[in-house]
Structure formats: structure tokens, C-alpha cells
Amino acid sequence: MQHQYLETARRAARLAGRLIRERFPQGGAGSALKIAHKGTIDLVTEVDIQSEKLLRQAILDDFPQHAILGEEEGQQGQSQAPLWIVDPLDGTRSFAHGYPFVSVSVALEVDGILEVGVVYDPLRDELFEANRGQGARLNGRPIHCSPTGDLGQALLASGFPYHLAEFDNRQFFQLLRDYILASGGFRRDGSAALDFCYIACGRLDGYWEFFLKPWDGAAGALIAQEAGALVTNLSGDPFQIRKAEVLACTPHIHPAMVAIARPYLEDMRSLLI
């Protein structure tokens, strides 16, 4: 069944990706898009909503008894059924500004285990995919995480939560500062799913984030793991998609990244309660 699941995930991601590519605002933030706010700075566009509808329809056409959890419409379907976890447009603010770093994320969880992950970048036509236990691929070619062994030479990435200004963020920025100073460079592009995939194919060496949602990390985490990366929390314990904390990196720099995070975790985790 894994092959059938993967075919459905690919097809759904490409359908949604075509919509995103067609509606991408080449004129930047001034382009005509219907935009609403879910929070002070958390956006949702008409394309997010339409994309999720395409994903849900494509999945249910093939597996009508399955459940789906999506960013915009929540969870639908029986709780014991296989669960598809979808992000219809990861990087909404980038999309709304015409910043070309967006993706569609589709994962399948069966009995609590991630079996399939697909992340599609429609603007570069790059489809990252993985079946559990069968490695990771980019447009059909096997991919692997980088061999970088020195944190001082590593390129790192992270993301910032929408409600960053609403809590005591001093520890958050101290950890960011320490990682930047210890590394060879830092990027923040706004799509967690693509950050995982860039770890998987060696474009990034390390990625961490707090305040993730299941749809942010489900597909990308499996792809990174299958490419040989370590995907844990910031203590080095196994990553759980329903916990809001992740560290994904090459195996060689993992101990150093865990050690840098250690002094800040108690305070930062208190913000997640």
C-alpha cells in the first residue's frame, strides 16, 4: 500500500502546487489577493483555502475512509482511520509578498507512524518524497544529508512564530544568537517543510524551531530522517509531530546543537504549556 499512498500524495501535492504557481503574485505584495488574518500577523489567503480543498478532494477520491488534518479546515474523518496531514501552502506570508519560498506538504500517518511524506515546491518544480524505510528522493533521485562535521562551517536555518511579540522572547533570541555565532551562516525563509527538505538534500546542515504544528513538520521530518539526518527535539530525544519543538541536522553536528540549546530549554518549554 505504501506505493499507492505515495502516488496519491504526489498527485495531490502537484494539483495544489499548480494552483499556487498559477496564482503566485509576481507583482509582490501589491498584487490582488483576498487576504484574511487569523491573528495579528498570521495570514490566510484565498489560495490557502482553495489549495486545501484540492488536497482533500484528491486524497478522498482515492481513500474515502481515511481522515485528514489540515491547517485551514482542521481534522475530519474517523479518529482510528489512517490520517493524512496536509499544509496547503507553507509560507503564506512569503506567498502574499511574492517571495519565492513556498511549498505544499502531504504526509500519511498510520497507527501513529509516519509512512509517507511529500513536499512540493511548485515554483522550482521540486518534489521531495519519502516512504518509511526506503530513503528519500528529489524528483526521483536519491538524496542524502550533508557530511558537514563542524558546526562552525554549518549553514543553519530556523523559523519564528507568529506570536513572537506576545511572550517573553529573551531566551528565544539568546538561543538564536548562540547558534548564529557558533555556525557558518544562518537563513530564515519561512517554510518549515522546505527547511526539512533542504536538510535532506544537503543545502542546509541544521534546522531548529519552536511552536511547530503537525502539518508544518510531518512530511518534512520523515523526508529528512530517510535522508540520514537526525530529527529530534532540542534535548536529542525523538521528535514527535504533535510536540512543538524540533531539531533536524547532520549527525556530526547534532551533539553541539543539543549542547547549545540545553541552558534555554526549561524557560522556552514553559512557553509551550
C-alpha atoms as a PDB file:
ATOM      1  CA  MET A   1       0.000   0.000   0.000  1.00  0.00           C
ATOM      2  CA  GLN A   2       2.902   2.382   0.552  1.00  0.00           C
ATOM      3  CA  HIS A   3       3.311   2.839  -3.195  1.00  0.00           C
ATOM      4  CA  GLN A   4      -0.370   3.687  -3.620  1.00  0.00           C
ATOM      5  CA  TYR A   5      -0.189   6.121  -0.709  1.00  0.00           C
ATOM      6  CA  LEU A   6       2.826   7.811  -2.243  1.00  0.00           C
ATOM      7  CA  GLU A   7       1.141   8.123  -5.645  1.00  0.00           C
ATOM      8  CA  THR A   8      -1.834   9.827  -4.009  1.00  0.00           C
ATOM      9  CA  ALA A   9       0.410  12.192  -2.056  1.00  0.00           C
ATOM     10  CA  ARG A  10       2.336  13.124  -5.198  1.00  0.00           C
ATOM     11  CA  ARG A  11      -0.808  13.731  -7.214  1.00  0.00           C
ATOM     12  CA  ALA A  12      -2.454  15.804  -4.505  1.00  0.00           C
ATOM     13  CA  ALA A  13       0.665  17.919  -3.928  1.00  0.00           C
ATOM     14  CA  ARG A  14       1.100  18.606  -7.637  1.00  0.00           C
ATOM     15  CA  LEU A  15      -2.561  19.620  -8.042  1.00  0.00           C
ATOM     16  CA  ALA A  16      -2.298  22.087  -5.172  1.00  0.00           C
ATOM     17  CA  GLY A  17       1.104  23.231  -6.375  1.00  0.00           C
ATOM     18  CA  ARG A  18      -0.232  24.060  -9.819  1.00  0.00           C
ATOM     19  CA  LEU A  19      -2.810  26.351  -8.224  1.00  0.00           C
ATOM     20  CA  ILE A  20      -0.116  28.076  -6.161  1.00  0.00           C
ATOM     21  CA  ARG A  21       2.119  28.520  -9.202  1.00  0.00           C
ATOM     22  CA  GLU A  22      -0.742  29.959 -11.279  1.00  0.00           C
ATOM     23  CA  ARG A  23      -1.792  32.371  -8.547  1.00  0.00           C
ATOM     24  CA  PHE A  24       1.696  33.352  -7.366  1.00  0.00           C
ATOM     25  CA  PRO A  25       1.760  37.168  -7.160  1.00  0.00           C
ATOM     26  CA  GLN A  26       4.603  38.095  -9.481  1.00  0.00           C
ATOM     27  CA  GLY A  27       3.918  41.747  -8.660  1.00  0.00           C
ATOM     28  CA  GLY A  28       4.691  41.261  -4.978  1.00  0.00           C
ATOM     29  CA  ALA A  29       2.635  42.444  -2.031  1.00  0.00           C
ATOM     30  CA  GLY A  30       0.581  44.843  -4.137  1.00  0.00           C
ATOM     31  CA  SER A  31      -0.951  42.039  -6.192  1.00  0.00           C
ATOM     32  CA  ALA A  32      -4.669  41.337  -5.971  1.00  0.00           C
ATOM     33  CA  LEU A  33      -5.188  38.559  -3.410  1.00  0.00           C
ATOM     34  CA  LYS A  34      -8.003  38.085  -0.944  1.00  0.00           C
ATOM     35  CA  ILE A  35      -6.239  38.012   2.423  1.00  0.00           C
ATOM     36  CA  ALA A  36      -7.650  37.494   5.912  1.00  0.00           C
ATOM     37  CA  HIS A  37      -5.951  37.466   9.315  1.00  0.00           C
ATOM     38  CA  LYS A  38      -6.039  34.541  11.773  1.00  0.00           C
ATOM     39  CA  GLY A  39      -4.038  36.586  14.275  1.00  0.00           C
ATOM     40  CA  THR A  40      -2.167  39.862  14.486  1.00  0.00           C
ATOM     41  CA  ILE A  41       0.231  38.924  11.678  1.00  0.00           C
ATOM     42  CA  ASP A  42      -0.884  35.355  10.813  1.00  0.00           C
ATOM     43  CA  LEU A  43      -2.332  35.456   7.289  1.00  0.00           C
ATOM     44  CA  VAL A  44      -4.589  33.195   5.276  1.00  0.00           C
ATOM     45  CA  THR A  45      -5.213  33.798   1.580  1.00  0.00           C
ATOM     46  CA  GLU A  46      -7.898  32.509  -0.733  1.00  0.00           C
ATOM     47  CA  VAL A  47      -5.205  30.294  -2.262  1.00  0.00           C
ATOM     48  CA  ASP A  48      -4.543  28.566   1.098  1.00  0.00           C
ATOM     49  CA  ILE A  49      -8.219  27.667   1.304  1.00  0.00           C
ATOM     50  CA  GLN A  50      -8.569  26.576  -2.319  1.00  0.00           C
ATOM     51  CA  SER A  51      -5.363  24.561  -2.126  1.00  0.00           C
ATOM     52  CA  GLU A  52      -6.570  22.632   0.922  1.00  0.00           C
ATOM     53  CA  LYS A  53      -9.835  21.824  -0.815  1.00  0.00           C
ATOM     54  CA  LEU A  54      -7.888  20.394  -3.746  1.00  0.00           C
ATOM     55  CA  LEU A  55      -5.742  18.301  -1.403  1.00  0.00           C
ATOM     56  CA  ARG A  56      -8.729  16.935   0.492  1.00  0.00           C
ATOM     57  CA  GLN A  57     -10.620  16.051  -2.659  1.00  0.00           C
ATOM     58  CA  ALA A  58      -7.640  14.321  -4.270  1.00  0.00           C
ATOM     59  CA  ILE A  59      -6.985  12.237  -1.147  1.00  0.00           C
ATOM     60  CA  LEU A  60     -10.618  11.293  -0.545  1.00  0.00           C
ATOM     61  CA  ASP A  61     -11.060  10.323  -4.198  1.00  0.00           C
ATOM     62  CA  ASP A  62      -8.508   7.547  -3.601  1.00  0.00           C
ATOM     63  CA  PHE A  63      -9.113   6.800   0.095  1.00  0.00           C
ATOM     64  CA  PRO A  64     -12.636   7.899   1.100  1.00  0.00           C
ATOM     65  CA  GLN A  65     -12.437   6.179   4.503  1.00  0.00           C
ATOM     66  CA  HIS A  66      -9.291   7.998   5.584  1.00  0.00           C
ATOM     67  CA  ALA A  67      -9.132  11.038   7.878  1.00  0.00           C
ATOM     68  CA  ILE A  68      -7.473  14.351   7.032  1.00  0.00           C
ATOM     69  CA  LEU A  69      -5.914  17.003   9.261  1.00  0.00           C
ATOM     70  CA  GLY A  70      -5.262  20.315   7.521  1.00  0.00           C
ATOM     71  CA  GLU A  71      -4.147  23.753   8.606  1.00  0.00           C
ATOM     72  CA  GLU A  72      -7.248  25.568   7.392  1.00  0.00           C
ATOM     73  CA  GLU A  73     -10.126  23.104   7.977  1.00  0.00           C
ATOM     74  CA  GLY A  74      -8.889  21.083  10.951  1.00  0.00           C
ATOM     75  CA  GLN A  75      -9.429  17.341  11.256  1.00  0.00           C
ATOM     76  CA  GLN A  76     -12.202  15.438   9.530  1.00  0.00           C
ATOM     77  CA  GLY A  77     -12.850  11.693   9.485  1.00  0.00           C
ATOM     78  CA  GLN A  78     -12.802   8.845  11.964  1.00  0.00           C
ATOM     79  CA  SER A  79     -10.168   9.043  14.672  1.00  0.00           C
ATOM     80  CA  GLN A  80      -8.944   5.457  14.148  1.00  0.00           C
ATOM     81  CA  ALA A  81      -8.527   5.803  10.381  1.00  0.00           C
ATOM     82  CA  PRO A  82      -5.211   6.462   8.642  1.00  0.00           C
ATOM     83  CA  LEU A  83      -4.574  10.196   8.952  1.00  0.00           C
ATOM     84  CA  TRP A  84      -3.377  12.468   6.170  1.00  0.00           C
ATOM     85  CA  ILE A  85      -1.678  15.621   7.492  1.00  0.00           C
ATOM     86  CA  VAL A  86      -1.577  18.462   4.985  1.00  0.00           C
ATOM     87  CA  ASP A  87      -0.302  22.011   4.761  1.00  0.00           C
ATOM     88  CA  PRO A  88      -1.859  23.548   1.656  1.00  0.00           C
ATOM     89  CA  LEU A  89       0.539  26.487   1.447  1.00  0.00           C
ATOM     90  CA  ASP A  90       3.528  26.531   3.764  1.00  0.00           C
ATOM     91  CA  GLY A  91       4.910  30.047   3.620  1.00  0.00           C
ATOM     92  CA  THR A  92       1.727  32.090   3.289  1.00  0.00           C
ATOM     93  CA  ARG A  93       3.310  35.454   4.080  1.00  0.00           C
ATOM     94  CA  SER A  94       6.073  34.767   1.569  1.00  0.00           C
ATOM     95  CA  PHE A  95       3.417  33.871  -0.997  1.00  0.00           C
ATOM     96  CA  ALA A  96       1.439  37.032  -0.302  1.00  0.00           C
ATOM     97  CA  HIS A  97       4.589  39.111  -0.883  1.00  0.00           C
ATOM     98  CA  GLY A  98       5.723  37.262  -3.987  1.00  0.00           C
ATOM     99  CA  TYR A  99       8.736  35.871  -2.117  1.00  0.00           C
ATOM    100  CA  PRO A 100       9.512  32.544  -3.856  1.00  0.00           C
ATOM    101  CA  PHE A 101       9.896  30.146  -0.937  1.00  0.00           C
ATOM    102  CA  VAL A 102       6.635  28.242  -0.555  1.00  0.00           C
ATOM    103  CA  SER A 103       5.544  24.618  -0.582  1.00  0.00           C
ATOM    104  CA  VAL A 104       2.761  22.067  -0.256  1.00  0.00           C
ATOM    105  CA  SER A 105       3.173  19.354   2.375  1.00  0.00           C
ATOM    106  CA  VAL A 106       1.374  15.991   2.442  1.00  0.00           C
ATOM    107  CA  ALA A 107       2.042  13.191   4.943  1.00  0.00           C
ATOM    108  CA  LEU A 108       0.268   9.985   5.947  1.00  0.00           C
ATOM    109  CA  GLU A 109       0.257   8.639   9.485  1.00  0.00           C
ATOM    110  CA  VAL A 110      -0.940   5.057  10.089  1.00  0.00           C
ATOM    111  CA  ASP A 111      -1.363   3.857  13.676  1.00  0.00           C
ATOM    112  CA  GLY A 112       0.727   6.787  14.881  1.00  0.00           C
ATOM    113  CA  ILE A 113       3.635   6.118  12.495  1.00  0.00           C
ATOM    114  CA  LEU A 114       4.536   8.349   9.559  1.00  0.00           C
ATOM    115  CA  GLU A 115       4.562   6.196   6.443  1.00  0.00           C
ATOM    116  CA  VAL A 116       4.709   8.674   3.561  1.00  0.00           C
ATOM    117  CA  GLY A 117       5.875  12.254   3.151  1.00  0.00           C
ATOM    118  CA  VAL A 118       5.775  14.546   0.123  1.00  0.00           C
ATOM    119  CA  VAL A 119       6.802  18.213  -0.018  1.00  0.00           C
ATOM    120  CA  TYR A 120       6.387  20.024  -3.327  1.00  0.00           C
ATOM    121  CA  ASP A 121       7.965  23.345  -4.271  1.00  0.00           C
ATOM    122  CA  PRO A 122       5.800  24.422  -7.202  1.00  0.00           C
ATOM    123  CA  LEU A 123       7.932  27.420  -8.146  1.00  0.00           C
ATOM    124  CA  ARG A 124      11.046  25.278  -8.716  1.00  0.00           C
ATOM    125  CA  ASP A 125       9.132  22.115  -9.645  1.00  0.00           C
ATOM    126  CA  GLU A 126      10.978  20.167  -6.953  1.00  0.00           C
ATOM    127  CA  LEU A 127       9.151  17.244  -5.387  1.00  0.00           C
ATOM    128  CA  PHE A 128      10.736  15.771  -2.252  1.00  0.00           C
ATOM    129  CA  GLU A 129       9.379  12.419  -1.104  1.00  0.00           C
ATOM    130  CA  ALA A 130       9.961   9.514   1.235  1.00  0.00           C
ATOM    131  CA  ASN A 131       8.464   6.170   2.169  1.00  0.00           C
ATOM    132  CA  ARG A 132       9.328   4.957   5.660  1.00  0.00           C
ATOM    133  CA  GLY A 133      12.377   2.714   5.438  1.00  0.00           C
ATOM    134  CA  GLN A 134      13.001   3.343   1.726  1.00  0.00           C
ATOM    135  CA  GLY A 135      15.103   6.503   1.643  1.00  0.00           C
ATOM    136  CA  ALA A 136      14.339   9.996   0.392  1.00  0.00           C
ATOM    137  CA  ARG A 137      14.234  11.346  -3.158  1.00  0.00           C
ATOM    138  CA  LEU A 138      14.139  14.658  -5.018  1.00  0.00           C
ATOM    139  CA  ASN A 139      12.375  14.406  -8.382  1.00  0.00           C
ATOM    140  CA  GLY A 140      13.000  10.668  -8.266  1.00  0.00           C
ATOM    141  CA  ARG A 141      16.711  10.839  -7.421  1.00  0.00           C
ATOM    142  CA  PRO A 142      18.032   9.629  -4.043  1.00  0.00           C
ATOM    143  CA  ILE A 143      19.148  12.397  -1.697  1.00  0.00           C
ATOM    144  CA  HIS A 144      21.229  12.443   1.469  1.00  0.00           C
ATOM    145  CA  CYS A 145      22.026  14.992   4.146  1.00  0.00           C
ATOM    146  CA  SER A 146      25.365  16.762   4.030  1.00  0.00           C
ATOM    147  CA  PRO A 147      28.565  15.317   5.522  1.00  0.00           C
ATOM    148  CA  THR A 148      29.319  18.570   7.382  1.00  0.00           C
ATOM    149  CA  GLY A 149      31.023  17.722  10.641  1.00  0.00           C
ATOM    150  CA  ASP A 150      31.954  21.128  12.019  1.00  0.00           C
ATOM    151  CA  LEU A 151      29.231  23.390  13.379  1.00  0.00           C
ATOM    152  CA  GLY A 152      31.482  26.347  12.641  1.00  0.00           C
ATOM    153  CA  GLN A 153      31.147  25.572   8.920  1.00  0.00           C
ATOM    154  CA  ALA A 154      27.457  24.650   9.005  1.00  0.00           C
ATOM    155  CA  LEU A 155      24.617  26.578   7.393  1.00  0.00           C
ATOM    156  CA  LEU A 156      21.657  26.713   9.782  1.00  0.00           C
ATOM    157  CA  ALA A 157      18.020  27.754   9.472  1.00  0.00           C
ATOM    158  CA  SER A 158      15.076  28.393  11.764  1.00  0.00           C
ATOM    159  CA  GLY A 159      11.648  29.961  11.836  1.00  0.00           C
ATOM    160  CA  PHE A 160       9.908  32.499  14.037  1.00  0.00           C
ATOM    161  CA  PRO A 161       6.383  32.047  15.437  1.00  0.00           C
ATOM    162  CA  TYR A 162       3.646  34.493  14.511  1.00  0.00           C
ATOM    163  CA  HIS A 163       3.069  35.401  18.161  1.00  0.00           C
ATOM    164  CA  LEU A 164       6.733  36.189  18.862  1.00  0.00           C
ATOM    165  CA  ALA A 165       5.893  39.630  20.274  1.00  0.00           C
ATOM    166  CA  GLU A 166       3.284  38.202  22.643  1.00  0.00           C
ATOM    167  CA  PHE A 167       5.572  36.319  25.060  1.00  0.00           C
ATOM    168  CA  ASP A 168       8.873  36.826  26.866  1.00  0.00           C
ATOM    169  CA  ASN A 169      11.167  36.096  23.926  1.00  0.00           C
ATOM    170  CA  ARG A 170      14.555  36.819  25.516  1.00  0.00           C
ATOM    171  CA  GLN A 171      15.582  33.149  25.729  1.00  0.00           C
ATOM    172  CA  PHE A 172      14.359  32.590  22.182  1.00  0.00           C
ATOM    173  CA  PHE A 173      16.653  35.294  20.827  1.00  0.00           C
ATOM    174  CA  GLN A 174      19.559  34.282  23.049  1.00  0.00           C
ATOM    175  CA  LEU A 175      19.438  30.770  21.606  1.00  0.00           C
ATOM    176  CA  LEU A 176      19.220  32.232  18.103  1.00  0.00           C
ATOM    177  CA  ARG A 177      22.254  34.413  18.817  1.00  0.00           C
ATOM    178  CA  ASP A 178      24.297  31.496  20.163  1.00  0.00           C
ATOM    179  CA  TYR A 179      23.503  29.309  17.154  1.00  0.00           C
ATOM    180  CA  ILE A 180      24.379  32.091  14.713  1.00  0.00           C
ATOM    181  CA  LEU A 181      27.689  32.831  16.446  1.00  0.00           C
ATOM    182  CA  ALA A 182      28.627  29.131  16.566  1.00  0.00           C
ATOM    183  CA  SER A 183      27.759  28.418  12.938  1.00  0.00           C
ATOM    184  CA  GLY A 184      28.967  29.333   9.490  1.00  0.00           C
ATOM    185  CA  GLY A 185      25.746  31.089   8.492  1.00  0.00           C
ATOM    186  CA  PHE A 186      22.022  31.436   9.094  1.00  0.00           C
ATOM    187  CA  ARG A 187      18.891  31.593   6.922  1.00  0.00           C
ATOM    188  CA  ARG A 188      15.219  32.236   7.705  1.00  0.00           C
ATOM    189  CA  ASP A 189      12.992  31.754   4.662  1.00  0.00           C
ATOM    190  CA  GLY A 190       9.574  30.922   6.104  1.00  0.00           C
ATOM    191  CA  SER A 191       8.679  27.365   5.052  1.00  0.00           C
ATOM    192  CA  ALA A 192       9.389  24.715   7.673  1.00  0.00           C
ATOM    193  CA  ALA A 193       8.578  21.943   5.206  1.00  0.00           C
ATOM    194  CA  LEU A 194      11.240  23.157   2.779  1.00  0.00           C
ATOM    195  CA  ASP A 195      13.747  23.671   5.593  1.00  0.00           C
ATOM    196  CA  PHE A 196      13.431  19.962   6.441  1.00  0.00           C
ATOM    197  CA  CYS A 197      13.859  19.073   2.771  1.00  0.00           C
ATOM    198  CA  TYR A 198      16.895  21.304   2.405  1.00  0.00           C
ATOM    199  CA  ILE A 199      18.417  19.399   5.313  1.00  0.00           C
ATOM    200  CA  ALA A 200      17.572  16.192   3.442  1.00  0.00           C
ATOM    201  CA  CYS A 201      19.373  17.192   0.244  1.00  0.00           C
ATOM    202  CA  GLY A 202      22.353  18.915   1.861  1.00  0.00           C
ATOM    203  CA  ARG A 203      21.502  22.554   1.136  1.00  0.00           C
ATOM    204  CA  LEU A 204      21.269  23.160   4.890  1.00  0.00           C
ATOM    205  CA  ASP A 205      23.152  21.433   7.702  1.00  0.00           C
ATOM    206  CA  GLY A 206      20.932  22.211  10.697  1.00  0.00           C
ATOM    207  CA  TYR A 207      17.413  23.464  11.370  1.00  0.00           C
ATOM    208  CA  TRP A 208      15.566  24.095  14.628  1.00  0.00           C
ATOM    209  CA  GLU A 209      12.228  25.576  15.534  1.00  0.00           C
ATOM    210  CA  PHE A 210       9.714  26.030  18.344  1.00  0.00           C
ATOM    211  CA  PHE A 211       5.937  26.342  18.021  1.00  0.00           C
ATOM    212  CA  LEU A 212       5.550  23.974  15.054  1.00  0.00           C
ATOM    213  CA  LYS A 213       2.158  22.495  14.194  1.00  0.00           C
ATOM    214  CA  PRO A 214       1.762  18.885  12.964  1.00  0.00           C
ATOM    215  CA  TRP A 215       1.225  19.984   9.353  1.00  0.00           C
ATOM    216  CA  ASP A 216       4.454  22.016   9.457  1.00  0.00           C
ATOM    217  CA  GLY A 217       6.706  19.073  10.170  1.00  0.00           C
ATOM    218  CA  ALA A 218       5.084  15.725   9.410  1.00  0.00           C
ATOM    219  CA  ALA A 219       6.157  15.224   5.795  1.00  0.00           C
ATOM    220  CA  GLY A 220       9.451  17.082   6.032  1.00  0.00           C
ATOM    221  CA  ALA A 221      10.584  15.259   9.159  1.00  0.00           C
ATOM    222  CA  LEU A 222      10.146  11.871   7.504  1.00  0.00           C
ATOM    223  CA  ILE A 223      11.997  13.044   4.385  1.00  0.00           C
ATOM    224  CA  ALA A 224      14.912  14.377   6.456  1.00  0.00           C
ATOM    225  CA  GLN A 225      15.110  11.195   8.530  1.00  0.00           C
ATOM    226  CA  GLU A 226      15.076   8.995   5.447  1.00  0.00           C
ATOM    227  CA  ALA A 227      17.906  11.094   4.006  1.00  0.00           C
ATOM    228  CA  GLY A 228      20.091  10.310   7.016  1.00  0.00           C
ATOM    229  CA  ALA A 229      19.532  13.383   9.169  1.00  0.00           C
ATOM    230  CA  LEU A 230      18.874  13.190  12.877  1.00  0.00           C
ATOM    231  CA  VAL A 231      15.412  14.561  13.684  1.00  0.00           C
ATOM    232  CA  THR A 232      14.876  15.015  17.421  1.00  0.00           C
ATOM    233  CA  ASN A 233      13.762  17.627  19.887  1.00  0.00           C
ATOM    234  CA  LEU A 234      16.344  20.079  21.228  1.00  0.00           C
ATOM    235  CA  SER A 235      17.283  17.672  24.016  1.00  0.00           C
ATOM    236  CA  GLY A 236      18.113  14.975  21.485  1.00  0.00           C
ATOM    237  CA  ASP A 237      15.026  12.899  22.287  1.00  0.00           C
ATOM    238  CA  PRO A 238      12.805  11.521  19.487  1.00  0.00           C
ATOM    239  CA  PHE A 239      10.816  14.103  17.551  1.00  0.00           C
ATOM    240  CA  GLN A 240       7.038  13.951  17.911  1.00  0.00           C
ATOM    241  CA  ILE A 241       4.929  15.775  15.338  1.00  0.00           C
ATOM    242  CA  ARG A 242       2.429  16.876  17.993  1.00  0.00           C
ATOM    243  CA  LYS A 243       5.153  18.462  20.094  1.00  0.00           C
ATOM    244  CA  ALA A 244       6.096  21.971  19.039  1.00  0.00           C
ATOM    245  CA  GLU A 245       9.893  21.611  19.107  1.00  0.00           C
ATOM    246  CA  VAL A 246      12.311  20.173  16.559  1.00  0.00           C
ATOM    247  CA  LEU A 247      15.992  19.888  15.735  1.00  0.00           C
ATOM    248  CA  ALA A 248      16.979  18.384  12.373  1.00  0.00           C
ATOM    249  CA  CYS A 249      20.632  18.256  11.389  1.00  0.00           C
ATOM    250  CA  THR A 250      23.512  16.186  10.130  1.00  0.00           C
ATOM    251  CA  PRO A 251      24.576  13.541  12.666  1.00  0.00           C
ATOM    252  CA  HIS A 252      28.016  15.064  13.225  1.00  0.00           C
ATOM    253  CA  ILE A 253      26.801  18.481  14.429  1.00  0.00           C
ATOM    254  CA  HIS A 254      23.868  17.150  16.455  1.00  0.00           C
ATOM    255  CA  PRO A 255      25.727  16.923  19.815  1.00  0.00           C
ATOM    256  CA  ALA A 256      26.949  20.524  19.536  1.00  0.00           C
ATOM    257  CA  MET A 257      23.490  21.853  18.643  1.00  0.00           C
ATOM    258  CA  VAL A 258      21.923  19.988  21.575  1.00  0.00           C
ATOM    259  CA  ALA A 259      24.581  21.334  23.959  1.00  0.00           C
ATOM    260  CA  ILE A 260      23.992  24.947  22.871  1.00  0.00           C
ATOM    261  CA  ALA A 261      20.229  24.639  23.379  1.00  0.00           C
ATOM    262  CA  ARG A 262      20.415  22.993  26.807  1.00  0.00           C
ATOM    263  CA  PRO A 263      20.558  26.162  29.002  1.00  0.00           C
ATOM    264  CA  TYR A 264      17.430  27.632  27.402  1.00  0.00           C
ATOM    265  CA  LEU A 265      15.047  24.694  27.176  1.00  0.00           C
ATOM    266  CA  GLU A 266      13.350  24.871  30.562  1.00  0.00           C
ATOM    267  CA  ASP A 267      12.340  28.503  30.062  1.00  0.00           C
ATOM    268  CA  MET A 268      11.381  28.055  26.415  1.00  0.00           C
ATOM    269  CA  ARG A 269       9.322  24.929  27.033  1.00  0.00           C
ATOM    270  CA  SER A 270       7.364  26.738  29.700  1.00  0.00           C
ATOM    271  CA  LEU A 271       6.020  28.912  26.875  1.00  0.00           C
ATOM    272  CA  LEU A 272       4.546  25.859  25.156  1.00  0.00           C
ATOM    273  CA  ILE A 273       2.225  24.904  28.023  1.00  0.00           C
END
